[in-house]
Each structure stands twice: as structure tokens, then as C-alpha cells.
Amino acid sequence: MVIKLYLSRVSGSFVIKVEQEYIKRILEMKGINYEEIDVSDPHQAKEKEFMRTKVKLDEVEGVPLPPQLFKDDGYRGDFSGFFRAVETESLYRYLGLEAPKSEVEYIRLHET
């Protein structure tokens, strides 16, 4: 189970840079292992094409832009979905992971 974060290290967009850093910071804070895939790297052309074909185009107008999240090869979503999941304490479910017992998400799920 690998979380993959598709990002661009040379994006000219301030918004994209901020969104990418937010996602990385949250994943690191939560101790969630992830792999960064830089779609601006010419050596990652196959990964970039994979990202573009797997993102649900009906949810995105035009070409999907980073950041995008995957679990293994399954599309999980973009920044707005990630942000919503963090704010609603449902990040682990959003990412398709089991929440640790110390997380609010786990406690809410297992309340009686």
C-alpha cells in the first residue's frame, strides 16, 4: 500500500506550490509514508501519463494538474478532496488506509 503524491517541483503556480507543501506537511505529521512523483521531471514521463489517464476527467476541466493522490494505482483525489478529508477528520478513509487507534477518526469509527 503506497500513497503516491504526484507533484511538480518547478511549477510556476504559487497555489500549486502551497497545496503540494500542505499535503506533504500533513502526511509527514501523521506519519503516513508516501512516494513523491515529480511530473515535471522528463524521466517521469510514463508516471505523468499514468496520472493523466487515471484522473477522472469528468471531475477536472482540461489537463489534470498536480497535486494528485493515488493509493497504489487507484486514484484517491486532488487537493480539495484531501483538504476536506483533513478538516472532517476522515483522512485515512480518504486515502484508503486504516486509521491508527490514536486518531480521532479511529475513535469516531469505533464508538459504541
PDB file of N, CA and C in Angstrom:
ATOM      1  N   MET A   1       0.840  -1.180   0.000  1.00  0.00           N
ATOM      2  CA  MET A   1       0.000   0.000   0.000  1.00  0.00           C
ATOM      3  C   MET A   1       0.886   1.245   0.000  1.00  0.00           C
ATOM      4  N   VAL A   2       1.004   1.839  -1.131  1.00  0.00           N
ATOM      5  CA  VAL A   2       1.844   3.020  -1.263  1.00  0.00           C
ATOM      6  C   VAL A   2       0.982   4.211  -1.649  1.00  0.00           C
ATOM      7  N   ILE A   3       1.107   5.291  -0.873  1.00  0.00           N
ATOM      8  CA  ILE A   3       0.467   6.544  -1.247  1.00  0.00           C
ATOM      9  C   ILE A   3       1.435   7.255  -2.179  1.00  0.00           C
ATOM     10  N   LYS A   4       0.931   7.654  -3.332  1.00  0.00           N
ATOM     11  CA  LYS A   4       1.750   8.364  -4.307  1.00  0.00           C
ATOM     12  C   LYS A   4       1.218   9.782  -4.437  1.00  0.00           C
ATOM     13  N   LEU A   5       2.135  10.739  -4.284  1.00  0.00           N
ATOM     14  CA  LEU A   5       1.797  12.148  -4.441  1.00  0.00           C
ATOM     15  C   LEU A   5       2.438  12.642  -5.722  1.00  0.00           C
ATOM     16  N   TYR A   6       1.596  12.919  -6.699  1.00  0.00           N
ATOM     17  CA  TYR A   6       2.065  13.465  -7.974  1.00  0.00           C
ATOM     18  C   TYR A   6       2.141  14.980  -7.815  1.00  0.00           C
ATOM     19  N   LEU A   7       3.328  15.524  -8.013  1.00  0.00           N
ATOM     20  CA  LEU A   7       3.550  16.948  -7.830  1.00  0.00           C
ATOM     21  C   LEU A   7       4.485  17.484  -8.901  1.00  0.00           C
ATOM     22  N   SER A   8       4.715  18.778  -8.864  1.00  0.00           N
ATOM     23  CA  SER A   8       5.651  19.407  -9.790  1.00  0.00           C
ATOM     24  C   SER A   8       6.597  20.286  -8.986  1.00  0.00           C
ATOM     25  N   ARG A   9       7.868  19.976  -9.057  1.00  0.00           N
ATOM     26  CA  ARG A   9       8.858  20.761  -8.308  1.00  0.00           C
ATOM     27  C   ARG A   9       9.184  22.083  -8.987  1.00  0.00           C
ATOM     28  N   VAL A  10       8.766  22.266 -10.230  1.00  0.00           N
ATOM     29  CA  VAL A  10       9.075  23.512 -10.940  1.00  0.00           C
ATOM     30  C   VAL A  10       7.813  24.250 -11.395  1.00  0.00           C
ATOM     31  N   SER A  11       6.747  24.073 -10.681  1.00  0.00           N
ATOM     32  CA  SER A  11       5.502  24.752 -11.036  1.00  0.00           C
ATOM     33  C   SER A  11       5.667  26.263 -10.886  1.00  0.00           C
ATOM     34  N   GLY A  12       5.121  26.992 -11.814  1.00  0.00           N
ATOM     35  CA  GLY A  12       5.120  28.444 -11.739  1.00  0.00           C
ATOM     36  C   GLY A  12       3.937  28.975 -10.951  1.00  0.00           C
ATOM     37  N   SER A  13       3.062  28.086 -10.535  1.00  0.00           N
ATOM     38  CA  SER A  13       1.855  28.487  -9.816  1.00  0.00           C
ATOM     39  C   SER A  13       2.102  28.474  -8.310  1.00  0.00           C
ATOM     40  N   PHE A  14       1.918  29.620  -7.694  1.00  0.00           N
ATOM     41  CA  PHE A  14       2.056  29.725  -6.244  1.00  0.00           C
ATOM     42  C   PHE A  14       1.039  28.824  -5.545  1.00  0.00           C
ATOM     43  N   VAL A  15      -0.177  28.780  -6.055  1.00  0.00           N
ATOM     44  CA  VAL A  15      -1.242  27.962  -5.450  1.00  0.00           C
ATOM     45  C   VAL A  15      -0.851  26.487  -5.455  1.00  0.00           C
ATOM     46  N   ILE A  16      -0.351  25.995  -6.579  1.00  0.00           N
ATOM     47  CA  ILE A  16       0.058  24.587  -6.664  1.00  0.00           C
ATOM     48  C   ILE A  16       1.176  24.303  -5.664  1.00  0.00           C
ATOM     49  N   LYS A  17       2.135  25.198  -5.555  1.00  0.00           N
ATOM     50  CA  LYS A  17       3.235  25.012  -4.604  1.00  0.00           C
ATOM     51  C   LYS A  17       2.723  24.919  -3.174  1.00  0.00           C
ATOM     52  N   VAL A  18       1.811  25.814  -2.813  1.00  0.00           N
ATOM     53  CA  VAL A  18       1.257  25.827  -1.452  1.00  0.00           C
ATOM     54  C   VAL A  18       0.465  24.545  -1.186  1.00  0.00           C
ATOM     55  N   GLU A  19      -0.349  24.133  -2.150  1.00  0.00           N
ATOM     56  CA  GLU A  19      -1.147  22.908  -1.983  1.00  0.00           C
ATOM     57  C   GLU A  19      -0.250  21.687  -1.805  1.00  0.00           C
ATOM     58  N   GLN A  20       0.790  21.592  -2.609  1.00  0.00           N
ATOM     59  CA  GLN A  20       1.721  20.458  -2.515  1.00  0.00           C
ATOM     60  C   GLN A  20       2.397  20.423  -1.150  1.00  0.00           C
ATOM     61  N   GLU A  21       2.845  21.571  -0.688  1.00  0.00           N
ATOM     62  CA  GLU A  21       3.522  21.625   0.615  1.00  0.00           C
ATOM     63  C   GLU A  21       2.566  21.283   1.748  1.00  0.00           C
ATOM     64  N   TYR A  22       1.324  21.711   1.649  1.00  0.00           N
ATOM     65  CA  TYR A  22       0.320  21.383   2.659  1.00  0.00           C
ATOM     66  C   TYR A  22       0.125  19.874   2.743  1.00  0.00           C
ATOM     67  N   ILE A  23      -0.049  19.237   1.602  1.00  0.00           N
ATOM     68  CA  ILE A  23      -0.246  17.787   1.582  1.00  0.00           C
ATOM     69  C   ILE A  23       0.967  17.078   2.183  1.00  0.00           C
ATOM     70  N   LYS A  24       2.156  17.464   1.773  1.00  0.00           N
ATOM     71  CA  LYS A  24       3.370  16.837   2.296  1.00  0.00           C
ATOM     72  C   LYS A  24       3.479  17.024   3.814  1.00  0.00           C
ATOM     73  N   ARG A  25       3.191  18.222   4.282  1.00  0.00           N
ATOM     74  CA  ARG A  25       3.273  18.509   5.716  1.00  0.00           C
ATOM     75  C   ARG A  25       2.298  17.641   6.511  1.00  0.00           C
ATOM     76  N   ILE A  26       1.061  17.517   6.028  1.00  0.00           N
ATOM     77  CA  ILE A  26       0.066  16.706   6.737  1.00  0.00           C
ATOM     78  C   ILE A  26       0.477  15.235   6.731  1.00  0.00           C
ATOM     79  N   LEU A  27       0.882  14.720   5.584  1.00  0.00           N
ATOM     80  CA  LEU A  27       1.303  13.313   5.510  1.00  0.00           C
ATOM     81  C   LEU A  27       2.465  13.046   6.456  1.00  0.00           C
ATOM     82  N   GLU A  28       3.429  13.945   6.498  1.00  0.00           N
ATOM     83  CA  GLU A  28       4.576  13.767   7.393  1.00  0.00           C
ATOM     84  C   GLU A  28       4.163  13.872   8.854  1.00  0.00           C
ATOM     85  N   MET A  29       3.287  14.833   9.186  1.00  0.00           N
ATOM     86  CA  MET A  29       2.798  14.984  10.560  1.00  0.00           C
ATOM     87  C   MET A  29       2.083  13.732  11.042  1.00  0.00           C
ATOM     88  N   LYS A  30       1.317  13.128  10.148  1.00  0.00           N
ATOM     89  CA  LYS A  30       0.542  11.936  10.501  1.00  0.00           C
ATOM     90  C   LYS A  30       1.383  10.662  10.424  1.00  0.00           C
ATOM     91  N   GLY A  31       2.605  10.770   9.933  1.00  0.00           N
ATOM     92  CA  GLY A  31       3.468   9.593   9.819  1.00  0.00           C
ATOM     93  C   GLY A  31       3.039   8.655   8.701  1.00  0.00           C
ATOM     94  N   ILE A  32       2.398   9.203   7.680  1.00  0.00           N
ATOM     95  CA  ILE A  32       1.931   8.398   6.549  1.00  0.00           C
ATOM     96  C   ILE A  32       3.039   8.373   5.497  1.00  0.00           C
ATOM     97  N   ASN A  33       3.520   7.190   5.190  1.00  0.00           N
ATOM     98  CA  ASN A  33       4.564   7.054   4.179  1.00  0.00           C
ATOM     99  C   ASN A  33       3.976   7.341   2.800  1.00  0.00           C
ATOM    100  N   TYR A  34       4.756   8.033   1.988  1.00  0.00           N
ATOM    101  CA  TYR A  34       4.307   8.347   0.644  1.00  0.00           C
ATOM    102  C   TYR A  34       5.507   8.472  -0.281  1.00  0.00           C
ATOM    103  N   GLU A  35       5.211   8.359  -1.552  1.00  0.00           N
ATOM    104  CA  GLU A  35       6.229   8.492  -2.586  1.00  0.00           C
ATOM    105  C   GLU A  35       5.901   9.730  -3.404  1.00  0.00           C
ATOM    106  N   GLU A  36       6.896  10.584  -3.590  1.00  0.00           N
ATOM    107  CA  GLU A  36       6.716  11.765  -4.432  1.00  0.00           C
ATOM    108  C   GLU A  36       7.062  11.412  -5.872  1.00  0.00           C
ATOM    109  N   ILE A  37       6.195  11.807  -6.787  1.00  0.00           N
ATOM    110  CA  ILE A  37       6.463  11.621  -8.208  1.00  0.00           C
ATOM    111  C   ILE A  37       6.390  12.991  -8.863  1.00  0.00           C
ATOM    112  N   ASP A  38       7.533  13.445  -9.322  1.00  0.00           N
ATOM    113  CA  ASP A  38       7.648  14.777  -9.921  1.00  0.00           C
ATOM    114  C   ASP A  38       7.309  14.698 -11.403  1.00  0.00           C
ATOM    115  N   VAL A  39       6.118  15.179 -11.762  1.00  0.00           N
ATOM    116  CA  VAL A  39       5.679  15.091 -13.153  1.00  0.00           C
ATOM    117  C   VAL A  39       6.385  16.096 -14.059  1.00  0.00           C
ATOM    118  N   SER A  40       7.164  16.998 -13.480  1.00  0.00           N
ATOM    119  CA  SER A  40       7.946  17.924 -14.303  1.00  0.00           C
ATOM    120  C   SER A  40       9.292  17.329 -14.716  1.00  0.00           C
ATOM    121  N   ASP A  41       9.645  16.192 -14.142  1.00  0.00           N
ATOM    122  CA  ASP A  41      10.902  15.505 -14.470  1.00  0.00           C
ATOM    123  C   ASP A  41      10.699  14.704 -15.758  1.00  0.00           C
ATOM    124  N   PRO A  42      11.497  14.953 -16.793  1.00  0.00           N
ATOM    125  CA  PRO A  42      11.335  14.218 -18.059  1.00  0.00           C
ATOM    126  C   PRO A  42      11.513  12.702 -17.900  1.00  0.00           C
ATOM    127  N   HIS A  43      12.223  12.279 -16.869  1.00  0.00           N
ATOM    128  CA  HIS A  43      12.399  10.841 -16.614  1.00  0.00           C
ATOM    129  C   HIS A  43      11.130  10.200 -16.055  1.00  0.00           C
ATOM    130  N   GLN A  44      10.164  11.026 -15.669  1.00  0.00           N
ATOM    131  CA  GLN A  44       8.900  10.532 -15.108  1.00  0.00           C
ATOM    132  C   GLN A  44       7.747  10.651 -16.109  1.00  0.00           C
ATOM    133  N   ALA A  45       8.071  10.681 -17.391  1.00  0.00           N
ATOM    134  CA  ALA A  45       7.039  10.862 -18.425  1.00  0.00           C
ATOM    135  C   ALA A  45       5.960   9.776 -18.361  1.00  0.00           C
ATOM    136  N   LYS A  46       6.356   8.531 -18.096  1.00  0.00           N
ATOM    137  CA  LYS A  46       5.360   7.448 -18.006  1.00  0.00           C
ATOM    138  C   LYS A  46       4.439   7.656 -16.809  1.00  0.00           C
ATOM    139  N   GLU A  47       5.009   8.082 -15.686  1.00  0.00           N
ATOM    140  CA  GLU A  47       4.189   8.341 -14.495  1.00  0.00           C
ATOM    141  C   GLU A  47       3.240   9.523 -14.738  1.00  0.00           C
ATOM    142  N   LYS A  48       3.729  10.530 -15.422  1.00  0.00           N
ATOM    143  CA  LYS A  48       2.889  11.691 -15.744  1.00  0.00           C
ATOM    144  C   LYS A  48       1.709  11.267 -16.618  1.00  0.00           C
ATOM    145  N   GLU A  49       1.983  10.443 -17.607  1.00  0.00           N
ATOM    146  CA  GLU A  49       0.917   9.948 -18.485  1.00  0.00           C
ATOM    147  C   GLU A  49      -0.056   9.067 -17.709  1.00  0.00           C
ATOM    148  N   PHE A  50       0.474   8.235 -16.810  1.00  0.00           N
ATOM    149  CA  PHE A  50      -0.373   7.396 -15.955  1.00  0.00           C
ATOM    150  C   PHE A  50      -1.324   8.277 -15.152  1.00  0.00           C
ATOM    151  N   MET A  51      -0.783   9.318 -14.514  1.00  0.00           N
ATOM    152  CA  MET A  51      -1.601  10.225 -13.717  1.00  0.00           C
ATOM    153  C   MET A  51      -2.701  10.839 -14.571  1.00  0.00           C
ATOM    154  N   ARG A  52      -2.332  11.315 -15.728  1.00  0.00           N
ATOM    155  CA  ARG A  52      -3.310  11.991 -16.590  1.00  0.00           C
ATOM    156  C   ARG A  52      -4.412  11.058 -17.072  1.00  0.00           C
ATOM    157  N   THR A  53      -4.098   9.796 -17.310  1.00  0.00           N
ATOM    158  CA  THR A  53      -5.123   8.879 -17.793  1.00  0.00           C
ATOM    159  C   THR A  53      -6.005   8.340 -16.666  1.00  0.00           C
ATOM    160  N   LYS A  54      -5.473   8.288 -15.446  1.00  0.00           N
ATOM    161  CA  LYS A  54      -6.240   7.729 -14.327  1.00  0.00           C
ATOM    162  C   LYS A  54      -7.141   8.733 -13.624  1.00  0.00           C
ATOM    163  N   VAL A  55      -6.782  10.012 -13.691  1.00  0.00           N
ATOM    164  CA  VAL A  55      -7.616  11.027 -13.046  1.00  0.00           C
ATOM    165  C   VAL A  55      -8.939  11.088 -13.781  1.00  0.00           C
ATOM    166  N   LYS A  56     -10.011  11.096 -13.014  1.00  0.00           N
ATOM    167  CA  LYS A  56     -11.348  11.126 -13.608  1.00  0.00           C
ATOM    168  C   LYS A  56     -11.563  12.470 -14.293  1.00  0.00           C
ATOM    169  N   LEU A  57     -11.497  12.454 -15.610  1.00  0.00           N
ATOM    170  CA  LEU A  57     -11.544  13.703 -16.368  1.00  0.00           C
ATOM    171  C   LEU A  57     -12.871  14.433 -16.243  1.00  0.00           C
ATOM    172  N   ASP A  58     -13.934  13.740 -15.871  1.00  0.00           N
ATOM    173  CA  ASP A  58     -15.195  14.431 -15.695  1.00  0.00           C
ATOM    174  C   ASP A  58     -15.157  15.335 -14.459  1.00  0.00           C
ATOM    175  N   GLU A  59     -14.198  15.105 -13.558  1.00  0.00           N
ATOM    176  CA  GLU A  59     -14.051  15.932 -12.369  1.00  0.00           C
ATOM    177  C   GLU A  59     -13.072  17.084 -12.601  1.00  0.00           C
ATOM    178  N   VAL A  60     -12.320  17.024 -13.675  1.00  0.00           N
ATOM    179  CA  VAL A  60     -11.278  18.016 -13.923  1.00  0.00           C
ATOM    180  C   VAL A  60     -11.469  18.580 -15.318  1.00  0.00           C
ATOM    181  N   GLU A  61     -11.449  19.886 -15.413  1.00  0.00           N
ATOM    182  CA  GLU A  61     -11.547  20.505 -16.729  1.00  0.00           C
ATOM    183  C   GLU A  61     -10.150  20.596 -17.322  1.00  0.00           C
ATOM    184  N   GLY A  62      -9.999  20.134 -18.535  1.00  0.00           N
ATOM    185  CA  GLY A  62      -8.696  20.179 -19.196  1.00  0.00           C
ATOM    186  C   GLY A  62      -7.756  19.112 -18.683  1.00  0.00           C
ATOM    187  N   VAL A  63      -6.487  19.464 -18.593  1.00  0.00           N
ATOM    188  CA  VAL A  63      -5.448  18.539 -18.158  1.00  0.00           C
ATOM    189  C   VAL A  63      -5.371  18.542 -16.634  1.00  0.00           C
ATOM    190  N   PRO A  64      -5.369  17.370 -16.002  1.00  0.00           N
ATOM    191  CA  PRO A  64      -5.253  17.350 -14.537  1.00  0.00           C
ATOM    192  C   PRO A  64      -3.894  17.889 -14.090  1.00  0.00           C
ATOM    193  N   LEU A  65      -3.931  18.771 -13.120  1.00  0.00           N
ATOM    194  CA  LEU A  65      -2.717  19.390 -12.601  1.00  0.00           C
ATOM    195  C   LEU A  65      -2.378  18.823 -11.232  1.00  0.00           C
ATOM    196  N   PRO A  66      -1.107  18.842 -10.886  1.00  0.00           N
ATOM    197  CA  PRO A  66      -0.726  18.424  -9.540  1.00  0.00           C
ATOM    198  C   PRO A  66      -1.223  19.450  -8.519  1.00  0.00           C
ATOM    199  N   PRO A  67      -1.365  19.043  -7.281  1.00  0.00           N
ATOM    200  CA  PRO A  67      -1.086  17.719  -6.752  1.00  0.00           C
ATOM    201  C   PRO A  67      -2.264  16.764  -6.937  1.00  0.00           C
ATOM    202  N   GLN A  68      -1.930  15.495  -7.171  1.00  0.00           N
ATOM    203  CA  GLN A  68      -2.904  14.412  -7.282  1.00  0.00           C
ATOM    204  C   GLN A  68      -2.427  13.270  -6.384  1.00  0.00           C
ATOM    205  N   LEU A  69      -3.363  12.557  -5.796  1.00  0.00           N
ATOM    206  CA  LEU A  69      -3.024  11.470  -4.874  1.00  0.00           C
ATOM    207  C   LEU A  69      -3.555  10.138  -5.363  1.00  0.00           C
ATOM    208  N   PHE A  70      -2.738   9.114  -5.191  1.00  0.00           N
ATOM    209  CA  PHE A  70      -3.092   7.738  -5.531  1.00  0.00           C
ATOM    210  C   PHE A  70      -2.705   6.826  -4.377  1.00  0.00           C
ATOM    211  N   LYS A  71      -3.431   5.738  -4.237  1.00  0.00           N
ATOM    212  CA  LYS A  71      -3.007   4.652  -3.355  1.00  0.00           C
ATOM    213  C   LYS A  71      -2.730   3.494  -4.295  1.00  0.00           C
ATOM    214  N   ASP A  72      -1.488   3.061  -4.323  1.00  0.00           N
ATOM    215  CA  ASP A  72      -1.039   2.101  -5.328  1.00  0.00           C
ATOM    216  C   ASP A  72      -1.408   2.681  -6.693  1.00  0.00           C
ATOM    217  N   ASP A  73      -2.255   2.009  -7.455  1.00  0.00           N
ATOM    218  CA  ASP A  73      -2.635   2.531  -8.764  1.00  0.00           C
ATOM    219  C   ASP A  73      -4.041   3.121  -8.782  1.00  0.00           C
ATOM    220  N   GLY A  74      -4.674   3.206  -7.615  1.00  0.00           N
ATOM    221  CA  GLY A  74      -6.033   3.730  -7.538  1.00  0.00           C
ATOM    222  C   GLY A  74      -6.062   5.212  -7.221  1.00  0.00           C
ATOM    223  N   TYR A  75      -6.800   5.958  -8.008  1.00  0.00           N
ATOM    224  CA  TYR A  75      -6.910   7.397  -7.818  1.00  0.00           C
ATOM    225  C   TYR A  75      -7.675   7.705  -6.544  1.00  0.00           C
ATOM    226  N   ARG A  76      -7.111   8.593  -5.706  1.00  0.00           N
ATOM    227  CA  ARG A  76      -7.765   8.987  -4.457  1.00  0.00           C
ATOM    228  C   ARG A  76      -8.326  10.403  -4.529  1.00  0.00           C
ATOM    229  N   GLY A  77      -7.670  11.291  -5.283  1.00  0.00           N
ATOM    230  CA  GLY A  77      -8.225  12.634  -5.408  1.00  0.00           C
ATOM    231  C   GLY A  77      -7.166  13.710  -5.522  1.00  0.00           C
ATOM    232  N   ASP A  78      -7.662  14.945  -5.460  1.00  0.00           N
ATOM    233  CA  ASP A  78      -6.793  16.114  -5.609  1.00  0.00           C
ATOM    234  C   ASP A  78      -6.734  16.878  -4.291  1.00  0.00           C
ATOM    235  N   PHE A  79      -6.236  18.104  -4.344  1.00  0.00           N
ATOM    236  CA  PHE A  79      -6.055  18.882  -3.128  1.00  0.00           C
ATOM    237  C   PHE A  79      -7.374  19.149  -2.409  1.00  0.00           C
ATOM    238  N   SER A  80      -8.406  19.526  -3.137  1.00  0.00           N
ATOM    239  CA  SER A  80      -9.657  19.896  -2.464  1.00  0.00           C
ATOM    240  C   SER A  80     -10.240  18.720  -1.679  1.00  0.00           C
ATOM    241  N   GLY A  81     -10.174  17.516  -2.248  1.00  0.00           N
ATOM    242  CA  GLY A  81     -10.644  16.339  -1.523  1.00  0.00           C
ATOM    243  C   GLY A  81      -9.787  16.043  -0.307  1.00  0.00           C
ATOM    244  N   PHE A  82      -8.481  16.189  -0.458  1.00  0.00           N
ATOM    245  CA  PHE A  82      -7.547  15.972   0.651  1.00  0.00           C
ATOM    246  C   PHE A  82      -7.836  16.967   1.776  1.00  0.00           C
ATOM    247  N   PHE A  83      -7.990  18.225   1.416  1.00  0.00           N
ATOM    248  CA  PHE A  83      -8.252  19.269   2.406  1.00  0.00           C
ATOM    249  C   PHE A  83      -9.551  18.988   3.158  1.00  0.00           C
ATOM    250  N   ARG A  84     -10.598  18.629   2.426  1.00  0.00           N
ATOM    251  CA  ARG A  84     -11.885  18.292   3.055  1.00  0.00           C
ATOM    252  C   ARG A  84     -11.731  17.129   4.020  1.00  0.00           C
ATOM    253  N   ALA A  85     -10.961  16.123   3.613  1.00  0.00           N
ATOM    254  CA  ALA A  85     -10.759  14.948   4.466  1.00  0.00           C
ATOM    255  C   ALA A  85     -10.031  15.321   5.754  1.00  0.00           C
ATOM    256  N   VAL A  86      -9.050  16.191   5.655  1.00  0.00           N
ATOM    257  CA  VAL A  86      -8.333  16.639   6.855  1.00  0.00           C
ATOM    258  C   VAL A  86      -9.285  17.393   7.775  1.00  0.00           C
ATOM    259  N   GLU A  87     -10.052  18.293   7.216  1.00  0.00           N
ATOM    260  CA  GLU A  87     -10.950  19.127   8.020  1.00  0.00           C
ATOM    261  C   GLU A  87     -12.092  18.335   8.650  1.00  0.00           C
ATOM    262  N   THR A  88     -12.482  17.236   8.054  1.00  0.00           N
ATOM    263  CA  THR A  88     -13.588  16.433   8.584  1.00  0.00           C
ATOM    264  C   THR A  88     -13.103  15.188   9.331  1.00  0.00           C
ATOM    265  N   GLU A  89     -11.799  15.146   9.618  1.00  0.00           N
ATOM    266  CA  GLU A  89     -11.201  14.011  10.339  1.00  0.00           C
ATOM    267  C   GLU A  89     -11.498  12.680   9.648  1.00  0.00           C
ATOM    268  N   SER A  90     -11.359  12.662   8.317  1.00  0.00           N
ATOM    269  CA  SER A  90     -11.586  11.426   7.564  1.00  0.00           C
ATOM    270  C   SER A  90     -10.445  11.154   6.585  1.00  0.00           C
ATOM    271  N   LEU A  91      -9.249  11.614   6.917  1.00  0.00           N
ATOM    272  CA  LEU A  91      -8.101  11.496   6.024  1.00  0.00           C
ATOM    273  C   LEU A  91      -7.744  10.054   5.703  1.00  0.00           C
ATOM    274  N   TYR A  92      -7.728   9.202   6.707  1.00  0.00           N
ATOM    275  CA  TYR A  92      -7.321   7.813   6.470  1.00  0.00           C
ATOM    276  C   TYR A  92      -8.312   7.105   5.556  1.00  0.00           C
ATOM    277  N   ARG A  93      -9.590   7.339   5.767  1.00  0.00           N
ATOM    278  CA  ARG A  93     -10.605   6.751   4.881  1.00  0.00           C
ATOM    279  C   ARG A  93     -10.429   7.289   3.463  1.00  0.00           C
ATOM    280  N   TYR A  94     -10.188   8.582   3.345  1.00  0.00           N
ATOM    281  CA  TYR A  94      -9.970   9.220   2.041  1.00  0.00           C
ATOM    282  C   TYR A  94      -8.801   8.567   1.300  1.00  0.00           C
ATOM    283  N   LEU A  95      -7.739   8.273   2.035  1.00  0.00           N
ATOM    284  CA  LEU A  95      -6.551   7.673   1.425  1.00  0.00           C
ATOM    285  C   LEU A  95      -6.649   6.154   1.291  1.00  0.00           C
ATOM    286  N   GLY A  96      -7.694   5.556   1.849  1.00  0.00           N
ATOM    287  CA  GLY A  96      -7.853   4.109   1.788  1.00  0.00           C
ATOM    288  C   GLY A  96      -6.952   3.385   2.768  1.00  0.00           C
ATOM    289  N   LEU A  97      -6.679   4.031   3.900  1.00  0.00           N
ATOM    290  CA  LEU A  97      -5.819   3.458   4.925  1.00  0.00           C
ATOM    291  C   LEU A  97      -6.601   3.255   6.209  1.00  0.00           C
ATOM    292  N   GLU A  98      -6.097   2.378   7.060  1.00  0.00           N
ATOM    293  CA  GLU A  98      -6.705   2.189   8.368  1.00  0.00           C
ATOM    294  C   GLU A  98      -6.141   3.238   9.321  1.00  0.00           C
ATOM    295  N   ALA A  99      -7.023   3.908  10.029  1.00  0.00           N
ATOM    296  CA  ALA A  99      -6.591   4.952  10.963  1.00  0.00           C
ATOM    297  C   ALA A  99      -5.955   4.325  12.196  1.00  0.00           C
ATOM    298  N   PRO A 100      -4.865   4.903  12.686  1.00  0.00           N
ATOM    299  CA  PRO A 100      -4.269   4.428  13.936  1.00  0.00           C
ATOM    300  C   PRO A 100      -5.231   4.659  15.109  1.00  0.00           C
ATOM    301  N   LYS A 101      -5.106   3.863  16.139  1.00  0.00           N
ATOM    302  CA  LYS A 101      -6.006   3.958  17.295  1.00  0.00           C
ATOM    303  C   LYS A 101      -5.936   5.310  17.991  1.00  0.00           C
ATOM    304  N   SER A 102      -4.851   6.021  17.829  1.00  0.00           N
ATOM    305  CA  SER A 102      -4.695   7.329  18.482  1.00  0.00           C
ATOM    306  C   SER A 102      -5.390   8.463  17.729  1.00  0.00           C
ATOM    307  N   GLU A 103      -5.902   8.207  16.556  1.00  0.00           N
ATOM    308  CA  GLU A 103      -6.532   9.246  15.737  1.00  0.00           C
ATOM    309  C   GLU A 103      -8.026   9.401  16.049  1.00  0.00           C
ATOM    310  N   VAL A 104      -8.511  10.631  15.996  1.00  0.00           N
ATOM    311  CA  VAL A 104      -9.927  10.923  16.196  1.00  0.00           C
ATOM    312  C   VAL A 104     -10.771  10.104  15.227  1.00  0.00           C
ATOM    313  N   GLU A 105     -10.309   9.974  14.011  1.00  0.00           N
ATOM    314  CA  GLU A 105     -11.045   9.215  13.001  1.00  0.00           C
ATOM    315  C   GLU A 105     -11.302   7.775  13.454  1.00  0.00           C
ATOM    316  N   TYR A 106     -10.303   7.143  14.036  1.00  0.00           N
ATOM    317  CA  TYR A 106     -10.448   5.773  14.541  1.00  0.00           C
ATOM    318  C   TYR A 106     -11.448   5.737  15.691  1.00  0.00           C
ATOM    319  N   ILE A 107     -11.305   6.668  16.619  1.00  0.00           N
ATOM    320  CA  ILE A 107     -12.177   6.698  17.793  1.00  0.00           C
ATOM    321  C   ILE A 107     -13.622   6.889  17.371  1.00  0.00           C
ATOM    322  N   ARG A 108     -13.875   7.808  16.443  1.00  0.00           N
ATOM    323  CA  ARG A 108     -15.250   8.035  15.955  1.00  0.00           C
ATOM    324  C   ARG A 108     -15.814   6.793  15.277  1.00  0.00           C
ATOM    325  N   LEU A 109     -14.986   6.109  14.540  1.00  0.00           N
ATOM    326  CA  LEU A 109     -15.421   4.925  13.801  1.00  0.00           C
ATOM    327  C   LEU A 109     -15.774   3.775  14.735  1.00  0.00           C
ATOM    328  N   HIS A 110     -15.080   3.701  15.879  1.00  0.00           N
ATOM    329  CA  HIS A 110     -15.260   2.570  16.793  1.00  0.00           C
ATOM    330  C   HIS A 110     -16.032   2.923  18.059  1.00  0.00           C
ATOM    331  N   GLU A 111     -16.705   4.054  18.056  1.00  0.00           N
ATOM    332  CA  GLU A 111     -17.545   4.416  19.195  1.00  0.00           C
ATOM    333  C   GLU A 111     -18.721   3.470  19.284  1.00  0.00           C
ATOM    334  N   THR A 112     -19.166   3.238  20.474  1.00  0.00           N
ATOM    335  CA  THR A 112     -20.363   2.382  20.651  1.00  0.00           C
ATOM    336  C   THR A 112     -21.559   3.187  21.038  1.00  0.00           C
TER     337      THR A 112
END
